């Protein structure tokens, strides 16, 4: 009977030691949890600011894109005028050729007009391409920021759930 009692006392001492060790570990975890909660709150606030800045940027870019749509309309009108002028320049060039030496000045003018119109068309193409590329980049950036925000939000939620489990476990061990 004595041997059995000694075994029981030793087992109780080990259990007490394990409980104290666990309490110690959970105390440290709880302290870390409080610190992590504050860090998570700052992270959530920073994420909100990033989303807000991103929303403002997207809104500004959308306004710019709308503005470029108006520019496109103006450029389209210029393009129509340029096409008509190009046709006039071609006709003038033909008439100047028929007139021979007397029409050389007019032929030079029509050639310069055609070159200028070609340059305008090139500029129009570049503006249209740049506008489309900018719009696509903003759309992609916005999508990536939204994905990042969701991952961050999900991670923060998961960590808060872990903190609650640690606190509950700590309370349970303290109750023993």
Protein backbone atom coordinates (compact mmCIF):
# COMPACT_ATOMS: atom_id res chain seq x y z
CA UNK A 1 0.00 0.00 0.00
CA UNK A 2 2.91 2.32 0.77
CA UNK A 3 4.37 1.85 -2.66
CA UNK A 4 1.05 2.67 -4.26
CA UNK A 5 0.67 5.82 -2.17
CA UNK A 6 4.20 6.99 -3.08
CA UNK A 7 3.41 6.40 -6.74
CA UNK A 8 0.24 8.44 -6.43
CA UNK A 9 2.03 11.32 -4.68
CA UNK A 10 4.75 11.30 -7.35
CA UNK A 11 2.12 11.27 -10.08
CA UNK A 12 0.28 14.16 -8.44
CA UNK A 13 3.53 16.12 -8.18
CA UNK A 14 4.17 15.52 -11.89
CA UNK A 15 0.63 16.59 -12.77
CA UNK A 16 1.06 19.71 -10.61
CA UNK A 17 4.37 20.40 -12.29
CA UNK A 18 2.78 20.00 -15.75
CA UNK A 19 -0.14 22.23 -14.81
CA UNK A 20 2.22 24.92 -13.47
CA UNK A 21 4.38 24.64 -16.58
CA UNK A 22 1.29 24.87 -18.78
CA UNK A 23 0.03 27.86 -16.79
CA UNK A 24 3.40 29.51 -17.27
CA UNK A 25 3.34 28.83 -21.02
CA UNK A 26 -0.26 30.01 -21.35
CA UNK A 27 0.59 33.14 -19.35
CA UNK A 28 3.31 33.94 -21.85
CA UNK A 29 0.98 33.12 -24.75
CA UNK A 30 -1.67 35.37 -23.26
CA UNK A 31 0.81 38.26 -22.92
CA UNK A 32 1.93 37.70 -26.52
CA UNK A 33 -1.73 37.59 -27.59
CA UNK A 34 -2.41 41.01 -26.07
CA UNK A 35 0.63 42.40 -27.87
CA UNK A 36 -0.42 40.72 -31.12
CA UNK A 37 -3.97 42.06 -30.78
CA UNK A 38 -2.61 45.61 -30.72
CA UNK A 39 -0.44 44.87 -33.74
CA UNK A 40 -3.40 43.36 -35.57
CA UNK A 41 -5.51 46.41 -34.81
CA UNK A 42 -2.79 48.64 -36.29
CA UNK A 43 -2.57 46.34 -39.30
CA UNK A 44 -6.33 46.47 -39.85
CA UNK A 45 -6.27 50.28 -39.61
CA UNK A 46 -3.36 50.46 -42.07
CA UNK A 47 -5.27 48.18 -44.44
CA UNK A 48 -8.32 50.46 -44.21
CA UNK A 49 -6.13 53.44 -45.11
CA UNK A 50 -4.62 51.59 -48.08
CA UNK A 51 -8.10 50.68 -49.31
CA UNK A 52 -9.25 54.28 -48.89
CA UNK A 53 -6.23 55.65 -50.76
CA UNK A 54 -6.75 53.02 -53.45
CA UNK A 55 -10.43 53.94 -53.79
CA UNK A 56 -9.48 57.61 -54.15
CA UNK A 57 -6.84 56.74 -56.75
CA UNK A 58 -9.31 54.60 -58.72
CA UNK A 59 -11.88 57.41 -58.59
CA UNK A 60 -9.31 59.93 -59.82
CA UNK A 61 -8.16 57.62 -62.62
CA UNK A 62 -11.77 56.97 -63.63
CA UNK A 63 -12.27 60.74 -63.91
CA UNK A 64 -9.11 60.97 -66.00
CA UNK A 65 -10.33 58.14 -68.21
CA UNK A 66 -13.63 59.99 -68.65
CA UNK A 67 -11.62 63.08 -69.53
CA UNK A 68 -9.62 61.10 -72.05
CA UNK A 69 -12.90 59.87 -73.53
CA UNK A 70 -13.76 63.52 -74.18
CA UNK A 71 -10.28 64.00 -75.59
CA UNK A 72 -10.86 60.94 -77.80
CA UNK A 73 -14.03 62.53 -79.13
CA UNK A 74 -12.16 65.75 -79.88
CA UNK A 75 -9.31 63.78 -81.41
CA UNK A 76 -11.81 61.82 -83.49
CA UNK A 77 -13.21 65.10 -84.83
CA UNK A 78 -9.64 66.26 -85.55
CA UNK A 79 -9.00 62.90 -87.24
CA UNK A 80 -12.03 63.40 -89.49
CA UNK A 81 -10.84 66.90 -90.35
CA UNK A 82 -7.34 65.52 -90.93
CA UNK A 83 -8.68 62.84 -93.28
CA UNK A 84 -10.64 65.41 -95.23
CA UNK A 85 -7.62 67.72 -95.29
CA UNK A 86 -5.43 64.82 -96.41
CA UNK A 87 -7.80 64.23 -99.32
CA UNK A 88 -7.70 67.95 -100.16
CA UNK A 89 -3.91 67.88 -99.95
CA UNK A 90 -3.81 64.91 -102.32
CA UNK A 91 -6.09 66.72 -104.77
CA UNK A 92 -3.98 69.85 -104.43
CA UNK A 93 -0.86 67.82 -105.05
CA UNK A 94 -2.40 66.39 -108.24
CA UNK A 95 -3.46 69.86 -109.41
CA UNK A 96 -0.04 71.25 -108.58
CA UNK A 97 1.59 68.50 -110.66
CA UNK A 98 -0.67 69.39 -113.57
CA UNK A 99 0.24 73.06 -113.20
CA UNK A 100 3.92 72.18 -113.50
CA UNK A 101 6.46 74.72 -112.22
CA UNK A 102 3.77 77.22 -111.26
CA UNK A 103 2.23 74.74 -108.81
CA UNK A 104 5.42 73.74 -106.94
CA UNK A 105 4.78 75.95 -103.92
CA UNK A 106 1.30 74.54 -103.59
CA UNK A 107 2.69 71.01 -103.94
CA UNK A 108 5.14 71.70 -101.09
CA UNK A 109 2.30 73.04 -98.95
CA UNK A 110 0.15 69.97 -99.59
CA UNK A 111 3.10 67.68 -98.79
CA UNK A 112 3.74 69.50 -95.50
CA UNK A 113 0.03 69.34 -94.67
CA UNK A 114 0.01 65.58 -95.28
CA UNK A 115 3.08 65.11 -93.04
CA UNK A 116 1.47 67.15 -90.27
CA UNK A 117 -1.72 65.12 -90.52
CA UNK A 118 0.24 61.85 -90.36
CA UNK A 119 1.95 63.14 -87.22
CA UNK A 120 -1.42 64.06 -85.68
CA UNK A 121 -2.73 60.56 -86.42
CA UNK A 122 0.34 59.02 -84.73
CA UNK A 123 -0.19 61.20 -81.65
CA UNK A 124 -3.87 60.19 -81.55
CA UNK A 125 -2.90 56.51 -81.66
CA UNK A 126 -0.38 56.94 -78.82
CA UNK A 127 -2.91 58.81 -76.63
CA UNK A 128 -5.51 56.10 -77.20
CA UNK A 129 -3.04 53.28 -76.43
CA UNK A 130 -1.69 55.03 -73.32
CA UNK A 131 -5.19 55.69 -72.01
CA UNK A 132 -6.20 52.07 -72.46
CA UNK A 133 -2.97 50.80 -70.87
CA UNK A 134 -3.37 53.13 -67.86
CA UNK A 135 -6.96 52.08 -67.37
CA UNK A 136 -5.97 48.38 -67.50
CA UNK A 137 -3.11 48.90 -65.04
CA UNK A 138 -5.37 50.69 -62.56
CA UNK A 139 -7.97 47.95 -62.88
CA UNK A 140 -5.32 45.24 -62.27
CA UNK A 141 -3.79 47.15 -59.36
CA UNK A 142 -7.21 47.64 -57.77
CA UNK A 143 -7.99 43.94 -58.12
CA UNK A 144 -4.66 42.93 -56.53
CA UNK A 145 -5.13 45.35 -53.63
CA UNK A 146 -8.61 43.92 -53.02
CA UNK A 147 -7.21 40.36 -53.04
CA UNK A 148 -4.42 41.38 -50.65
CA UNK A 149 -6.93 43.04 -48.36
CA UNK A 150 -9.10 39.91 -48.27
CA UNK A 151 -6.10 37.71 -47.41
CA UNK A 152 -5.09 40.16 -44.69
CA UNK A 153 -8.62 40.31 -43.28
CA UNK A 154 -8.94 36.51 -43.28
CA UNK A 155 -5.54 36.13 -41.63
CA UNK A 156 -6.36 38.69 -38.94
CA UNK A 157 -9.68 36.96 -38.25
CA UNK A 158 -7.91 33.62 -37.91
CA UNK A 159 -5.30 35.06 -35.55
CA UNK A 160 -8.02 36.65 -33.40
CA UNK A 161 -9.74 33.28 -33.20
CA UNK A 162 -6.43 31.70 -32.10
CA UNK A 163 -6.00 34.39 -29.45
CA UNK A 164 -9.47 33.60 -28.11
CA UNK A 165 -8.62 29.88 -27.97
CA UNK A 166 -5.38 30.67 -26.08
CA UNK A 167 -7.26 32.87 -23.59
CA UNK A 168 -9.95 30.24 -23.06
CA UNK A 169 -7.34 27.49 -22.61
CA UNK A 170 -5.44 29.66 -20.16
CA UNK A 171 -8.63 30.31 -18.19
CA UNK A 172 -9.40 26.58 -18.19
CA UNK A 173 -5.95 25.69 -16.88
CA UNK A 174 -6.18 28.41 -14.21
CA UNK A 175 -9.49 26.89 -13.11
CA UNK A 176 -7.73 23.57 -12.42
